[in-house]
Every structure is written in structure tokens, then in C-alpha cells.
Amino acid sequence: MGLRLTSGIDFARNDPFFDGDGAEKKLRQTLDDRLLEWNGQTLKATPVGRRILNRVLYELFG
């Protein structure tokens, strides 16, 4: 639910998400598509990403 907030969520490089196979590639794709923004500490959805956030989350975790 935190990605629905404009402030985003704490999401550091050592997050367990990165242990998953292909996780970094999936994240990079959403960043390249400008659906998410990440400064190395905070991950948040862009305005466009928020409109299709269910799909973005599916791509990352589904």
C-alpha cells in the first residue's frame, strides 16, 4: 500500500526483494518505463505509475 502514497516506501539496496531471481531486472524495467522512481532509499510510483499501479505491482511481484 505504501506505493500508493506520494512519499513512497523505504526500499534500500539490501531489501530481501533483491534476493529474488530476476528482481533487479524487473525493477530496472519499471524505472526505465518511468512508472517508478528510486533514489536508492525510497521507492515511489510516478504519476503515470500510480494510475496503473496494480499492473506495476503485478510485474514486480506477480
PDB file of N, CA and C in Angstrom:
ATOM      1  N   MET A   1       0.815  -1.199   0.000  1.00  0.00           N
ATOM      2  CA  MET A   1       0.000   0.000   0.000  1.00  0.00           C
ATOM      3  C   MET A   1       0.858   1.262   0.000  1.00  0.00           C
ATOM      4  N   GLY A   2       2.080   1.173   0.461  1.00  0.00           N
ATOM      5  CA  GLY A   2       2.929   2.352   0.550  1.00  0.00           C
ATOM      6  C   GLY A   2       3.218   3.007  -0.788  1.00  0.00           C
ATOM      7  N   LEU A   3       3.217   2.233  -1.858  1.00  0.00           N
ATOM      8  CA  LEU A   3       3.481   2.825  -3.163  1.00  0.00           C
ATOM      9  C   LEU A   3       2.318   3.679  -3.651  1.00  0.00           C
ATOM     10  N   ARG A   4       1.180   3.567  -3.014  1.00  0.00           N
ATOM     11  CA  ARG A   4       0.051   4.427  -3.365  1.00  0.00           C
ATOM     12  C   ARG A   4       0.211   5.823  -2.767  1.00  0.00           C
ATOM     13  N   LEU A   5       1.120   5.956  -1.798  1.00  0.00           N
ATOM     14  CA  LEU A   5       1.398   7.254  -1.183  1.00  0.00           C
ATOM     15  C   LEU A   5       2.411   8.012  -2.026  1.00  0.00           C
ATOM     16  N   THR A   6       2.272   9.326  -2.111  1.00  0.00           N
ATOM     17  CA  THR A   6       3.226  10.110  -2.894  1.00  0.00           C
ATOM     18  C   THR A   6       4.613  10.089  -2.271  1.00  0.00           C
ATOM     19  N   SER A   7       4.699   9.818  -0.969  1.00  0.00           N
ATOM     20  CA  SER A   7       6.005   9.758  -0.300  1.00  0.00           C
ATOM     21  C   SER A   7       6.728   8.444  -0.567  1.00  0.00           C
ATOM     22  N   GLY A   8       6.017   7.409  -1.010  1.00  0.00           N
ATOM     23  CA  GLY A   8       6.633   6.132  -1.325  1.00  0.00           C
ATOM     24  C   GLY A   8       6.950   5.308  -0.094  1.00  0.00           C
ATOM     25  N   ILE A   9       7.894   4.361  -0.262  1.00  0.00           N
ATOM     26  CA  ILE A   9       8.277   3.452   0.819  1.00  0.00           C
ATOM     27  C   ILE A   9       9.791   3.401   0.945  1.00  0.00           C
ATOM     28  N   ASP A  10      10.275   3.055   2.135  1.00  0.00           N
ATOM     29  CA  ASP A  10      11.700   2.796   2.318  1.00  0.00           C
ATOM     30  C   ASP A  10      12.044   1.525   1.556  1.00  0.00           C
ATOM     31  N   PHE A  11      13.077   1.608   0.734  1.00  0.00           N
ATOM     32  CA  PHE A  11      13.415   0.471  -0.117  1.00  0.00           C
ATOM     33  C   PHE A  11      14.902   0.554  -0.433  1.00  0.00           C
ATOM     34  N   ALA A  12      15.704  -0.017   0.420  1.00  0.00           N
ATOM     35  CA  ALA A  12      17.152   0.041   0.256  1.00  0.00           C
ATOM     36  C   ALA A  12      17.664  -1.119  -0.592  1.00  0.00           C
ATOM     37  N   ARG A  13      18.876  -0.991  -1.041  1.00  0.00           N
ATOM     38  CA  ARG A  13      19.505  -1.999  -1.910  1.00  0.00           C
ATOM     39  C   ARG A  13      19.593  -3.362  -1.235  1.00  0.00           C
ATOM     40  N   ASN A  14      19.611  -3.400   0.097  1.00  0.00           N
ATOM     41  CA  ASN A  14      19.710  -4.667   0.808  1.00  0.00           C
ATOM     42  C   ASN A  14      18.350  -5.272   1.142  1.00  0.00           C
ATOM     43  N   ASP A  15      17.284  -4.765   0.536  1.00  0.00           N
ATOM     44  CA  ASP A  15      15.936  -5.295   0.759  1.00  0.00           C
ATOM     45  C   ASP A  15      15.868  -6.740   0.247  1.00  0.00           C
ATOM     46  N   PRO A  16      15.155  -7.612   0.954  1.00  0.00           N
ATOM     47  CA  PRO A  16      15.022  -9.013   0.507  1.00  0.00           C
ATOM     48  C   PRO A  16      14.450  -9.163  -0.902  1.00  0.00           C
ATOM     49  N   PHE A  17      13.772  -8.148  -1.418  1.00  0.00           N
ATOM     50  CA  PHE A  17      13.254  -8.182  -2.784  1.00  0.00           C
ATOM     51  C   PHE A  17      14.355  -8.548  -3.775  1.00  0.00           C
ATOM     52  N   PHE A  18      15.555  -8.037  -3.538  1.00  0.00           N
ATOM     53  CA  PHE A  18      16.645  -8.243  -4.475  1.00  0.00           C
ATOM     54  C   PHE A  18      17.197  -9.665  -4.459  1.00  0.00           C
ATOM     55  N   ASP A  19      16.776 -10.470  -3.496  1.00  0.00           N
ATOM     56  CA  ASP A  19      17.200 -11.867  -3.458  1.00  0.00           C
ATOM     57  C   ASP A  19      16.493 -12.709  -4.511  1.00  0.00           C
ATOM     58  N   GLY A  20      15.352 -12.228  -5.004  1.00  0.00           N
ATOM     59  CA  GLY A  20      14.562 -12.977  -5.980  1.00  0.00           C
ATOM     60  C   GLY A  20      15.226 -13.025  -7.346  1.00  0.00           C
ATOM     61  N   ASP A  21      15.002 -14.099  -8.037  1.00  0.00           N
ATOM     62  CA  ASP A  21      15.559 -14.290  -9.376  1.00  0.00           C
ATOM     63  C   ASP A  21      14.955 -13.286 -10.345  1.00  0.00           C
ATOM     64  N   GLY A  22      15.771 -12.467 -10.948  1.00  0.00           N
ATOM     65  CA  GLY A  22      15.310 -11.502 -11.929  1.00  0.00           C
ATOM     66  C   GLY A  22      14.674 -10.253 -11.339  1.00  0.00           C
ATOM     67  N   ALA A  23      14.704 -10.124 -10.024  1.00  0.00           N
ATOM     68  CA  ALA A  23      14.044  -8.996  -9.363  1.00  0.00           C
ATOM     69  C   ALA A  23      14.638  -7.657  -9.798  1.00  0.00           C
ATOM     70  N   GLU A  24      15.943  -7.598  -9.863  1.00  0.00           N
ATOM     71  CA  GLU A  24      16.578  -6.331 -10.230  1.00  0.00           C
ATOM     72  C   GLU A  24      16.223  -5.931 -11.660  1.00  0.00           C
ATOM     73  N   LYS A  25      16.140  -6.892 -12.547  1.00  0.00           N
ATOM     74  CA  LYS A  25      15.758  -6.612 -13.932  1.00  0.00           C
ATOM     75  C   LYS A  25      14.329  -6.070 -14.010  1.00  0.00           C
ATOM     76  N   LYS A  26      13.423  -6.665 -13.234  1.00  0.00           N
ATOM     77  CA  LYS A  26      12.037  -6.197 -13.208  1.00  0.00           C
ATOM     78  C   LYS A  26      11.956  -4.766 -12.692  1.00  0.00           C
ATOM     79  N   LEU A  27      12.700  -4.492 -11.623  1.00  0.00           N
ATOM     80  CA  LEU A  27      12.703  -3.136 -11.071  1.00  0.00           C
ATOM     81  C   LEU A  27      13.277  -2.157 -12.080  1.00  0.00           C
ATOM     82  N   ARG A  28      14.377  -2.524 -12.709  1.00  0.00           N
ATOM     83  CA  ARG A  28      15.016  -1.642 -13.692  1.00  0.00           C
ATOM     84  C   ARG A  28      14.042  -1.320 -14.824  1.00  0.00           C
ATOM     85  N   GLN A  29      13.268  -2.298 -15.258  1.00  0.00           N
ATOM     86  CA  GLN A  29      12.313  -2.066 -16.344  1.00  0.00           C
ATOM     87  C   GLN A  29      11.260  -1.046 -15.942  1.00  0.00           C
ATOM     88  N   THR A  30      10.720  -1.163 -14.718  1.00  0.00           N
ATOM     89  CA  THR A  30       9.711  -0.197 -14.281  1.00  0.00           C
ATOM     90  C   THR A  30      10.309   1.196 -14.108  1.00  0.00           C
ATOM     91  N   LEU A  31      11.580   1.252 -13.722  1.00  0.00           N
ATOM     92  CA  LEU A  31      12.253   2.550 -13.621  1.00  0.00           C
ATOM     93  C   LEU A  31      12.484   3.136 -15.008  1.00  0.00           C
ATOM     94  N   ASP A  32      12.947   2.303 -15.934  1.00  0.00           N
ATOM     95  CA  ASP A  32      13.182   2.760 -17.309  1.00  0.00           C
ATOM     96  C   ASP A  32      11.887   3.215 -17.983  1.00  0.00           C
ATOM     97  N   ASP A  33      10.785   2.570 -17.635  1.00  0.00           N
ATOM     98  CA  ASP A  33       9.484   2.941 -18.195  1.00  0.00           C
ATOM     99  C   ASP A  33       8.876   4.151 -17.484  1.00  0.00           C
ATOM    100  N   ARG A  34       9.590   4.661 -16.497  1.00  0.00           N
ATOM    101  CA  ARG A  34       9.173   5.830 -15.698  1.00  0.00           C
ATOM    102  C   ARG A  34       7.850   5.607 -14.980  1.00  0.00           C
ATOM    103  N   LEU A  35       7.677   4.374 -14.511  1.00  0.00           N
ATOM    104  CA  LEU A  35       6.498   4.036 -13.719  1.00  0.00           C
ATOM    105  C   LEU A  35       6.807   4.149 -12.224  1.00  0.00           C
ATOM    106  N   LEU A  36       8.081   3.945 -11.893  1.00  0.00           N
ATOM    107  CA  LEU A  36       8.558   4.089 -10.523  1.00  0.00           C
ATOM    108  C   LEU A  36       9.794   4.967 -10.512  1.00  0.00           C
ATOM    109  N   GLU A  37      10.043   5.584  -9.358  1.00  0.00           N
ATOM    110  CA  GLU A  37      11.272   6.357  -9.122  1.00  0.00           C
ATOM    111  C   GLU A  37      11.940   5.759  -7.895  1.00  0.00           C
ATOM    112  N   TRP A  38      13.274   5.702  -7.919  1.00  0.00           N
ATOM    113  CA  TRP A  38      14.020   5.148  -6.796  1.00  0.00           C
ATOM    114  C   TRP A  38      15.319   5.914  -6.644  1.00  0.00           C
ATOM    115  N   ASN A  39      15.576   6.396  -5.442  1.00  0.00           N
ATOM    116  CA  ASN A  39      16.809   7.137  -5.194  1.00  0.00           C
ATOM    117  C   ASN A  39      17.822   6.321  -4.394  1.00  0.00           C
ATOM    118  N   GLY A  40      17.606   5.010  -4.338  1.00  0.00           N
ATOM    119  CA  GLY A  40      18.479   4.137  -3.577  1.00  0.00           C
ATOM    120  C   GLY A  40      17.994   3.921  -2.156  1.00  0.00           C
ATOM    121  N   GLN A  41      17.058   4.729  -1.707  1.00  0.00           N
ATOM    122  CA  GLN A  41      16.492   4.623  -0.364  1.00  0.00           C
ATOM    123  C   GLN A  41      14.968   4.539  -0.397  1.00  0.00           C
ATOM    124  N   THR A  42      14.355   5.362  -1.258  1.00  0.00           N
ATOM    125  CA  THR A  42      12.900   5.459  -1.315  1.00  0.00           C
ATOM    126  C   THR A  42      12.403   5.082  -2.703  1.00  0.00           C
ATOM    127  N   LEU A  43      11.415   4.228  -2.726  1.00  0.00           N
ATOM    128  CA  LEU A  43      10.778   3.809  -3.975  1.00  0.00           C
ATOM    129  C   LEU A  43       9.382   4.398  -3.990  1.00  0.00           C
ATOM    130  N   LYS A  44       9.043   5.060  -5.095  1.00  0.00           N
ATOM    131  CA  LYS A  44       7.693   5.617  -5.203  1.00  0.00           C
ATOM    132  C   LYS A  44       7.217   5.556  -6.639  1.00  0.00           C
ATOM    133  N   ALA A  45       5.919   5.527  -6.779  1.00  0.00           N
ATOM    134  CA  ALA A  45       5.303   5.499  -8.100  1.00  0.00           C
ATOM    135  C   ALA A  45       5.267   6.910  -8.669  1.00  0.00           C
ATOM    136  N   THR A  46       5.495   7.007  -9.951  1.00  0.00           N
ATOM    137  CA  THR A  46       5.338   8.278 -10.640  1.00  0.00           C
ATOM    138  C   THR A  46       3.839   8.519 -10.839  1.00  0.00           C
ATOM    139  N   PRO A  47       3.448   9.712 -11.255  1.00  0.00           N
ATOM    140  CA  PRO A  47       2.020   9.937 -11.534  1.00  0.00           C
ATOM    141  C   PRO A  47       1.443   8.921 -12.529  1.00  0.00           C
ATOM    142  N   VAL A  48       2.193   8.609 -13.564  1.00  0.00           N
ATOM    143  CA  VAL A  48       1.736   7.613 -14.537  1.00  0.00           C
ATOM    144  C   VAL A  48       1.686   6.231 -13.880  1.00  0.00           C
ATOM    145  N   GLY A  49       2.704   5.894 -13.113  1.00  0.00           N
ATOM    146  CA  GLY A  49       2.750   4.602 -12.439  1.00  0.00           C
ATOM    147  C   GLY A  49       1.619   4.412 -11.451  1.00  0.00           C
ATOM    148  N   ARG A  50       1.222   5.483 -10.771  1.00  0.00           N
ATOM    149  CA  ARG A  50       0.115   5.380  -9.814  1.00  0.00           C
ATOM    150  C   ARG A  50      -1.198   5.036 -10.518  1.00  0.00           C
ATOM    151  N   ARG A  51      -1.362   5.517 -11.735  1.00  0.00           N
ATOM    152  CA  ARG A  51      -2.606   5.232 -12.464  1.00  0.00           C
ATOM    153  C   ARG A  51      -2.738   3.763 -12.829  1.00  0.00           C
ATOM    154  N   ILE A  52      -1.614   3.086 -13.006  1.00  0.00           N
ATOM    155  CA  ILE A  52      -1.639   1.663 -13.365  1.00  0.00           C
ATOM    156  C   ILE A  52      -0.866   0.834 -12.330  1.00  0.00           C
ATOM    157  N   LEU A  53      -0.936   1.267 -11.080  1.00  0.00           N
ATOM    158  CA  LEU A  53      -0.116   0.652 -10.036  1.00  0.00           C
ATOM    159  C   LEU A  53      -0.394  -0.833  -9.848  1.00  0.00           C
ATOM    160  N   ASN A  54      -1.623  -1.261  -9.975  1.00  0.00           N
ATOM    161  CA  ASN A  54      -1.903  -2.692  -9.835  1.00  0.00           C
ATOM    162  C   ASN A  54      -1.091  -3.497 -10.846  1.00  0.00           C
ATOM    163  N   ARG A  55      -1.004  -3.012 -12.060  1.00  0.00           N
ATOM    164  CA  ARG A  55      -0.231  -3.709 -13.096  1.00  0.00           C
ATOM    165  C   ARG A  55       1.270  -3.663 -12.790  1.00  0.00           C
ATOM    166  N   VAL A  56       1.744  -2.512 -12.322  1.00  0.00           N
ATOM    167  CA  VAL A  56       3.159  -2.369 -11.960  1.00  0.00           C
ATOM    168  C   VAL A  56       3.512  -3.370 -10.860  1.00  0.00           C
ATOM    169  N   LEU A  57       2.683  -3.457  -9.845  1.00  0.00           N
ATOM    170  CA  LEU A  57       2.934  -4.391  -8.743  1.00  0.00           C
ATOM    171  C   LEU A  57       2.902  -5.838  -9.222  1.00  0.00           C
ATOM    172  N   TYR A  58       2.009  -6.137 -10.128  1.00  0.00           N
ATOM    173  CA  TYR A  58       1.954  -7.477 -10.697  1.00  0.00           C
ATOM    174  C   TYR A  58       3.265  -7.799 -11.429  1.00  0.00           C
ATOM    175  N   GLU A  59       3.766  -6.847 -12.185  1.00  0.00           N
ATOM    176  CA  GLU A  59       5.013  -7.060 -12.920  1.00  0.00           C
ATOM    177  C   GLU A  59       6.186  -7.299 -11.969  1.00  0.00           C
ATOM    178  N   LEU A  60       6.187  -6.603 -10.851  1.00  0.00           N
ATOM    179  CA  LEU A  60       7.281  -6.752  -9.889  1.00  0.00           C
ATOM    180  C   LEU A  60       7.185  -8.034  -9.060  1.00  0.00           C
ATOM    181  N   PHE A  61       5.989  -8.330  -8.583  1.00  0.00           N
ATOM    182  CA  PHE A  61       5.844  -9.389  -7.588  1.00  0.00           C
ATOM    183  C   PHE A  61       5.011 -10.571  -8.054  1.00  0.00           C
ATOM    184  N   GLY A  62       4.325 -10.437  -9.191  1.00  0.00           N
ATOM    185  CA  GLY A  62       3.415 -11.489  -9.645  1.00  0.00           C
ATOM    186  C   GLY A  62       4.084 -12.648 -10.301  1.00  0.00           C
TER     187      GLY A  62
END
